Amino acid sequence: MVLEIAVKAAVGAPDILGDCPFSQRALLTLEEKQIPYKSHLINLSDKPQWFLEVNPEGKVPVVKFDDKWVSDSDVIVGILEEKYPVPPLVTPPEFASVGSKIFPSFVKFLKSKDPNDGTEQALLEELKALDDHLKAHGPFIAGEKITAVDLSLAPKLYHLEVALGHFKNWTIPDNLTHVLNYIKLLFSRESFEKTKAAKEHIIAGWEPKVNA
């Protein structure tokens, strides 16, 4: 059975996969579990009627399970794990929140207009904590095998790399070697290559937020 998933289309390019990290997380999970699926690309500035009928909140991603459309990437990933337990992607509970503050820290730093407001330092501290964790437990968050927490972090780290590189000419410091190796490991996976948005669409997605 082929699952249906609705994900964000690129800004200004409704036929191309867009820059939503939560949509990519759901797609990565489908790819890693080798579940056949069909994608619907949703133009979020002009949502199709059928999409709003099945999903009045209008959020992406949504996946159709047994004739019911389910939103929220956390919920979607949980259901996929339950229905398709092989290969298992469950993250051990003690590692489930590793790296969870990186994305909000990145967004604050990206939007910041004041170089001395501490947002860069806060992001560096989160990345350093991830580096220390990977040094002790790597190469993935929970050791040798990729799990759900990695598939959640991968798209967020991609956004961080592309957006901060473009808007702030900022890169992850070279001394965070475990983080940099982790990123290489994640981005080189076939599942990531297949589900990532093009860099220009990531930049276009953040542009209005950065200049707000």
C-alpha atoms as a PDB file:
ATOM      1  CA  MET A   1       0.000   0.000   0.000  1.00  0.00           C
ATOM      2  CA  VAL A   2       1.261   3.446  -0.959  1.00  0.00           C
ATOM      3  CA  LEU A   3       0.967   6.129   1.721  1.00  0.00           C
ATOM      4  CA  GLU A   4      -0.058   9.638   0.741  1.00  0.00           C
ATOM      5  CA  ILE A   5       1.813  12.588   2.223  1.00  0.00           C
ATOM      6  CA  ALA A   6       1.224  16.310   1.721  1.00  0.00           C
ATOM      7  CA  VAL A   7       4.339  18.480   2.066  1.00  0.00           C
ATOM      8  CA  LYS A   8       5.301  22.088   1.394  1.00  0.00           C
ATOM      9  CA  ALA A   9       5.975  23.187  -2.172  1.00  0.00           C
ATOM     10  CA  ALA A  10       8.794  25.638  -2.845  1.00  0.00           C
ATOM     11  CA  VAL A  11       8.015  29.366  -2.629  1.00  0.00           C
ATOM     12  CA  GLY A  12       7.368  30.548  -6.190  1.00  0.00           C
ATOM     13  CA  ALA A  13       7.840  27.028  -7.594  1.00  0.00           C
ATOM     14  CA  PRO A  14       4.724  24.961  -6.771  1.00  0.00           C
ATOM     15  CA  ASP A  15       5.980  21.862  -8.627  1.00  0.00           C
ATOM     16  CA  ILE A  16       9.184  21.580  -6.584  1.00  0.00           C
ATOM     17  CA  LEU A  17       9.685  20.275  -3.058  1.00  0.00           C
ATOM     18  CA  GLY A  18       9.824  23.142  -0.568  1.00  0.00           C
ATOM     19  CA  ASP A  19      11.897  24.047   2.435  1.00  0.00           C
ATOM     20  CA  CYS A  20       9.885  22.736   5.408  1.00  0.00           C
ATOM     21  CA  PRO A  21      12.191  20.836   7.834  1.00  0.00           C
ATOM     22  CA  PHE A  22       9.196  19.036   9.371  1.00  0.00           C
ATOM     23  CA  SER A  23       8.034  17.831   5.962  1.00  0.00           C
ATOM     24  CA  GLN A  24      11.548  16.595   5.244  1.00  0.00           C
ATOM     25  CA  ARG A  25      11.629  14.775   8.577  1.00  0.00           C
ATOM     26  CA  ALA A  26       8.491  12.822   7.631  1.00  0.00           C
ATOM     27  CA  LEU A  27       9.870  12.075   4.142  1.00  0.00           C
ATOM     28  CA  LEU A  28      13.202  10.920   5.620  1.00  0.00           C
ATOM     29  CA  THR A  29      11.341   8.504   7.882  1.00  0.00           C
ATOM     30  CA  LEU A  30       9.414   7.069   4.917  1.00  0.00           C
ATOM     31  CA  GLU A  31      12.659   6.714   2.932  1.00  0.00           C
ATOM     32  CA  GLU A  32      14.642   5.121   5.755  1.00  0.00           C
ATOM     33  CA  LYS A  33      11.828   2.624   6.369  1.00  0.00           C
ATOM     34  CA  GLN A  34      11.466   2.069   2.605  1.00  0.00           C
ATOM     35  CA  ILE A  35       7.722   2.706   2.709  1.00  0.00           C
ATOM     36  CA  PRO A  36       6.249   3.451  -0.731  1.00  0.00           C
ATOM     37  CA  TYR A  37       4.578   6.870  -0.794  1.00  0.00           C
ATOM     38  CA  LYS A  38       3.069   9.474  -3.051  1.00  0.00           C
ATOM     39  CA  SER A  39       3.770  13.162  -2.345  1.00  0.00           C
ATOM     40  CA  HIS A  40       1.337  16.039  -2.798  1.00  0.00           C
ATOM     41  CA  LEU A  41       3.167  19.369  -3.018  1.00  0.00           C
ATOM     42  CA  ILE A  42       1.124  22.069  -1.310  1.00  0.00           C
ATOM     43  CA  ASN A  43       1.511  25.732  -2.221  1.00  0.00           C
ATOM     44  CA  LEU A  44       1.052  27.239   1.254  1.00  0.00           C
ATOM     45  CA  SER A  45       0.113  30.664  -0.095  1.00  0.00           C
ATOM     46  CA  ASP A  46      -2.650  29.166  -2.243  1.00  0.00           C
ATOM     47  CA  LYS A  47      -3.789  25.973  -0.550  1.00  0.00           C
ATOM     48  CA  PRO A  48      -5.961  23.658  -2.661  1.00  0.00           C
ATOM     49  CA  GLN A  49      -9.549  23.146  -1.561  1.00  0.00           C
ATOM     50  CA  TRP A  50      -9.225  19.363  -1.085  1.00  0.00           C
ATOM     51  CA  PHE A  51      -6.273  19.922   1.248  1.00  0.00           C
ATOM     52  CA  LEU A  52      -8.204  22.358   3.462  1.00  0.00           C
ATOM     53  CA  GLU A  53     -11.162  19.978   3.547  1.00  0.00           C
ATOM     54  CA  VAL A  54      -9.079  17.073   4.895  1.00  0.00           C
ATOM     55  CA  ASN A  55      -6.851  19.307   6.997  1.00  0.00           C
ATOM     56  CA  PRO A  56      -8.651  22.514   8.067  1.00  0.00           C
ATOM     57  CA  GLU A  57      -5.602  23.788   9.984  1.00  0.00           C
ATOM     58  CA  GLY A  58      -3.752  23.820   6.668  1.00  0.00           C
ATOM     59  CA  LYS A  59      -0.433  22.697   8.161  1.00  0.00           C
ATOM     60  CA  VAL A  60       2.162  20.408   6.586  1.00  0.00           C
ATOM     61  CA  PRO A  61       3.175  17.652   6.690  1.00  0.00           C
ATOM     62  CA  VAL A  62       0.050  15.511   6.794  1.00  0.00           C
ATOM     63  CA  VAL A  63      -0.056  11.786   6.072  1.00  0.00           C
ATOM     64  CA  LYS A  64      -3.083   9.687   5.263  1.00  0.00           C
ATOM     65  CA  PHE A  65      -3.420   6.659   7.539  1.00  0.00           C
ATOM     66  CA  ASP A  66      -6.489   4.430   7.014  1.00  0.00           C
ATOM     67  CA  ASP A  67      -8.518   7.199   5.327  1.00  0.00           C
ATOM     68  CA  LYS A  68      -7.666   9.753   8.003  1.00  0.00           C
ATOM     69  CA  TRP A  69      -5.207  12.596   7.436  1.00  0.00           C
ATOM     70  CA  VAL A  70      -2.858  13.089  10.388  1.00  0.00           C
ATOM     71  CA  SER A  71      -0.756  16.212  10.983  1.00  0.00           C
ATOM     72  CA  ASP A  72       2.257  16.998  13.219  1.00  0.00           C
ATOM     73  CA  SER A  73       5.583  15.381  12.365  1.00  0.00           C
ATOM     74  CA  ASP A  74       5.994  13.997  15.928  1.00  0.00           C
ATOM     75  CA  VAL A  75       2.663  12.167  15.666  1.00  0.00           C
ATOM     76  CA  ILE A  76       3.331  11.029  12.087  1.00  0.00           C
ATOM     77  CA  VAL A  77       6.748   9.581  12.967  1.00  0.00           C
ATOM     78  CA  GLY A  78       5.223   7.792  15.977  1.00  0.00           C
ATOM     79  CA  ILE A  79       2.514   6.170  13.856  1.00  0.00           C
ATOM     80  CA  LEU A  80       5.020   5.147  11.164  1.00  0.00           C
ATOM     81  CA  GLU A  81       7.141   3.469  13.837  1.00  0.00           C
ATOM     82  CA  GLU A  82       4.106   1.592  15.151  1.00  0.00           C
ATOM     83  CA  LYS A  83       2.807   0.458  11.762  1.00  0.00           C
ATOM     84  CA  TYR A  84       6.198  -0.200  10.143  1.00  0.00           C
ATOM     85  CA  PRO A  85       8.506  -1.313  12.959  1.00  0.00           C
ATOM     86  CA  VAL A  86      11.282  -2.535  10.626  1.00  0.00           C
ATOM     87  CA  PRO A  87      13.870  -1.109  10.513  1.00  0.00           C
ATOM     88  CA  PRO A  88      13.381   0.295  14.011  1.00  0.00           C
ATOM     89  CA  LEU A  89      14.100   4.012  14.340  1.00  0.00           C
ATOM     90  CA  VAL A  90      13.123   4.450  17.986  1.00  0.00           C
ATOM     91  CA  THR A  91      15.510   6.733  19.864  1.00  0.00           C
ATOM     92  CA  PRO A  92      16.347   5.606  23.418  1.00  0.00           C
ATOM     93  CA  PRO A  93      14.396   7.962  25.737  1.00  0.00           C
ATOM     94  CA  GLU A  94      17.537   9.329  27.372  1.00  0.00           C
ATOM     95  CA  PHE A  95      18.741  10.634  23.981  1.00  0.00           C
ATOM     96  CA  ALA A  96      15.398  11.797  22.579  1.00  0.00           C
ATOM     97  CA  SER A  97      15.891  15.485  23.398  1.00  0.00           C
ATOM     98  CA  VAL A  98      19.565  15.765  22.373  1.00  0.00           C
ATOM     99  CA  GLY A  99      19.998  18.789  20.127  1.00  0.00           C
ATOM    100  CA  SER A 100      16.403  19.924  20.611  1.00  0.00           C
ATOM    101  CA  LYS A 101      17.374  23.530  21.401  1.00  0.00           C
ATOM    102  CA  ILE A 102      19.563  23.972  18.325  1.00  0.00           C
ATOM    103  CA  PHE A 103      16.749  24.961  15.940  1.00  0.00           C
ATOM    104  CA  PRO A 104      15.173  27.673  18.169  1.00  0.00           C
ATOM    105  CA  SER A 105      18.676  29.014  18.962  1.00  0.00           C
ATOM    106  CA  PHE A 106      19.486  29.131  15.244  1.00  0.00           C
ATOM    107  CA  VAL A 107      16.246  31.015  14.435  1.00  0.00           C
ATOM    108  CA  LYS A 108      16.939  33.645  17.131  1.00  0.00           C
ATOM    109  CA  PHE A 109      20.484  34.174  15.878  1.00  0.00           C
ATOM    110  CA  LEU A 110      19.338  34.314  12.248  1.00  0.00           C
ATOM    111  CA  LYS A 111      16.737  37.010  12.991  1.00  0.00           C
ATOM    112  CA  SER A 112      18.985  38.967  15.354  1.00  0.00           C
ATOM    113  CA  LYS A 113      20.070  42.456  14.263  1.00  0.00           C
ATOM    114  CA  ASP A 114      22.393  43.007  17.237  1.00  0.00           C
ATOM    115  CA  PRO A 115      25.726  41.130  17.120  1.00  0.00           C
ATOM    116  CA  ASN A 116      26.144  41.529  20.894  1.00  0.00           C
ATOM    117  CA  ASP A 117      22.783  40.180  22.059  1.00  0.00           C
ATOM    118  CA  GLY A 118      24.138  36.731  22.951  1.00  0.00           C
ATOM    119  CA  THR A 119      22.177  34.782  20.322  1.00  0.00           C
ATOM    120  CA  GLU A 120      25.335  33.628  18.510  1.00  0.00           C
ATOM    121  CA  GLN A 121      26.862  32.508  21.816  1.00  0.00           C
ATOM    122  CA  ALA A 122      23.675  30.617  22.737  1.00  0.00           C
ATOM    123  CA  LEU A 123      23.739  28.740  19.425  1.00  0.00           C
ATOM    124  CA  LEU A 124      27.437  27.927  19.834  1.00  0.00           C
ATOM    125  CA  GLU A 125      26.740  26.505  23.293  1.00  0.00           C
ATOM    126  CA  GLU A 126      24.021  24.219  21.899  1.00  0.00           C
ATOM    127  CA  LEU A 127      26.317  23.044  19.094  1.00  0.00           C
ATOM    128  CA  LYS A 128      29.141  22.463  21.581  1.00  0.00           C
ATOM    129  CA  ALA A 129      26.794  20.353  23.739  1.00  0.00           C
ATOM    130  CA  LEU A 130      25.899  18.291  20.646  1.00  0.00           C
ATOM    131  CA  ASP A 131      29.604  17.937  19.821  1.00  0.00           C
ATOM    132  CA  ASP A 132      30.341  16.647  23.341  1.00  0.00           C
ATOM    133  CA  HIS A 133      27.444  14.198  23.106  1.00  0.00           C
ATOM    134  CA  LEU A 134      28.576  12.857  19.729  1.00  0.00           C
ATOM    135  CA  LYS A 135      32.141  12.521  20.973  1.00  0.00           C
ATOM    136  CA  ALA A 136      30.889  10.275  23.782  1.00  0.00           C
ATOM    137  CA  HIS A 137      28.127   8.374  21.966  1.00  0.00           C
ATOM    138  CA  GLY A 138      28.484   8.906  18.171  1.00  0.00           C
ATOM    139  CA  PRO A 139      28.640   8.711  15.242  1.00  0.00           C
ATOM    140  CA  PHE A 140      24.834   9.141  15.510  1.00  0.00           C
ATOM    141  CA  ILE A 141      22.989  10.495  18.556  1.00  0.00           C
ATOM    142  CA  ALA A 142      22.241   7.007  19.879  1.00  0.00           C
ATOM    143  CA  GLY A 143      25.414   5.302  18.649  1.00  0.00           C
ATOM    144  CA  GLU A 144      26.059   3.241  15.532  1.00  0.00           C
ATOM    145  CA  LYS A 145      22.532   3.314  14.073  1.00  0.00           C
ATOM    146  CA  ILE A 146      20.489   6.209  12.807  1.00  0.00           C
ATOM    147  CA  THR A 147      17.285   6.849  14.816  1.00  0.00           C
ATOM    148  CA  ALA A 148      14.317   9.234  14.799  1.00  0.00           C
ATOM    149  CA  VAL A 149      16.203  12.005  16.599  1.00  0.00           C
ATOM    150  CA  ASP A 150      18.791  12.124  13.785  1.00  0.00           C
ATOM    151  CA  LEU A 151      16.049  12.364  11.158  1.00  0.00           C
ATOM    152  CA  SER A 152      14.549  15.276  13.071  1.00  0.00           C
ATOM    153  CA  LEU A 153      17.886  17.085  13.433  1.00  0.00           C
ATOM    154  CA  ALA A 154      19.195  16.553   9.891  1.00  0.00           C
ATOM    155  CA  PRO A 155      16.792  18.988   8.126  1.00  0.00           C
ATOM    156  CA  LYS A 156      17.243  21.578  10.895  1.00  0.00           C
ATOM    157  CA  LEU A 157      21.034  21.441  10.612  1.00  0.00           C
ATOM    158  CA  TYR A 158      20.667  21.799   6.843  1.00  0.00           C
ATOM    159  CA  HIS A 159      18.560  24.954   7.297  1.00  0.00           C
ATOM    160  CA  LEU A 160      21.093  26.273   9.818  1.00  0.00           C
ATOM    161  CA  GLU A 161      24.007  25.697   7.445  1.00  0.00           C
ATOM    162  CA  VAL A 162      22.323  27.186   4.367  1.00  0.00           C
ATOM    163  CA  ALA A 163      20.551  30.153   5.995  1.00  0.00           C
ATOM    164  CA  LEU A 164      23.374  31.282   8.285  1.00  0.00           C
ATOM    165  CA  GLY A 165      25.889  30.861   5.464  1.00  0.00           C
ATOM    166  CA  HIS A 166      23.761  33.033   3.172  1.00  0.00           C
ATOM    167  CA  PHE A 167      22.409  35.720   5.496  1.00  0.00           C
ATOM    168  CA  LYS A 168      25.248  36.007   8.037  1.00  0.00           C
ATOM    169  CA  ASN A 169      28.238  34.522   6.218  1.00  0.00           C
ATOM    170  CA  TRP A 170      28.510  32.249   9.283  1.00  0.00           C
ATOM    171  CA  THR A 171      29.691  28.660   9.445  1.00  0.00           C
ATOM    172  CA  ILE A 172      29.938  26.071  12.196  1.00  0.00           C
ATOM    173  CA  PRO A 173      33.404  26.448  13.786  1.00  0.00           C
ATOM    174  CA  ASP A 174      36.055  23.964  12.630  1.00  0.00           C
ATOM    175  CA  ASN A 175      36.785  22.840  16.192  1.00  0.00           C
ATOM    176  CA  LEU A 176      33.341  21.221  16.454  1.00  0.00           C
ATOM    177  CA  THR A 177      34.678  18.230  14.530  1.00  0.00           C
ATOM    178  CA  HIS A 178      32.097  15.727  15.754  1.00  0.00           C
ATOM    179  CA  VAL A 179      29.205  17.962  14.680  1.00  0.00           C
ATOM    180  CA  LEU A 180      30.794  18.540  11.276  1.00  0.00           C
ATOM    181  CA  ASN A 181      31.361  14.804  10.764  1.00  0.00           C
ATOM    182  CA  TYR A 182      27.793  14.118  11.896  1.00  0.00           C
ATOM    183  CA  ILE A 183      26.435  16.587   9.353  1.00  0.00           C
ATOM    184  CA  LYS A 184      28.504  14.959   6.580  1.00  0.00           C
ATOM    185  CA  LEU A 185      27.212  11.559   7.618  1.00  0.00           C
ATOM    186  CA  LEU A 186      23.567  12.685   7.567  1.00  0.00           C
ATOM    187  CA  PHE A 187      23.720  14.751   4.379  1.00  0.00           C
ATOM    188  CA  SER A 188      25.437  11.971   2.413  1.00  0.00           C
ATOM    189  CA  ARG A 189      22.613   9.497   3.017  1.00  0.00           C
ATOM    190  CA  GLU A 190      20.525   8.596   0.001  1.00  0.00           C
ATOM    191  CA  SER A 191      17.342   9.376   1.949  1.00  0.00           C
ATOM    192  CA  PHE A 192      18.609  12.922   2.609  1.00  0.00           C
ATOM    193  CA  GLU A 193      19.661  13.537  -0.993  1.00  0.00           C
ATOM    194  CA  LYS A 194      16.206  12.466  -2.168  1.00  0.00           C
ATOM    195  CA  THR A 195      14.220  14.614   0.266  1.00  0.00           C
ATOM    196  CA  LYS A 196      16.183  17.845   0.680  1.00  0.00           C
ATOM    197  CA  ALA A 197      15.011  21.174  -0.709  1.00  0.00           C
ATOM    198  CA  ALA A 198      17.324  23.090  -3.038  1.00  0.00           C
ATOM    199  CA  LYS A 199      19.428  25.728  -1.253  1.00  0.00           C
ATOM    200  CA  GLU A 200      17.786  28.604  -3.127  1.00  0.00           C
ATOM    201  CA  HIS A 201      14.366  27.496  -1.850  1.00  0.00           C
ATOM    202  CA  ILE A 202      15.646  27.365   1.733  1.00  0.00           C
ATOM    203  CA  ILE A 203      16.972  30.913   1.330  1.00  0.00           C
ATOM    204  CA  ALA A 204      13.697  32.093  -0.249  1.00  0.00           C
ATOM    205  CA  GLY A 205      11.762  30.527   2.628  1.00  0.00           C
ATOM    206  CA  TRP A 206      13.773  32.398   5.293  1.00  0.00           C
ATOM    207  CA  GLU A 207      14.088  35.720   3.444  1.00  0.00           C
ATOM    208  CA  PRO A 208      10.820  37.288   4.709  1.00  0.00           C
ATOM    209  CA  LYS A 209      11.524  36.169   8.293  1.00  0.00           C
ATOM    210  CA  VAL A 210      15.054  37.573   8.292  1.00  0.00           C
ATOM    211  CA  ASN A 211      13.971  40.913   6.862  1.00  0.00           C
ATOM    212  CA  ALA A 212      10.855  41.221   9.023  1.00  0.00           C
END
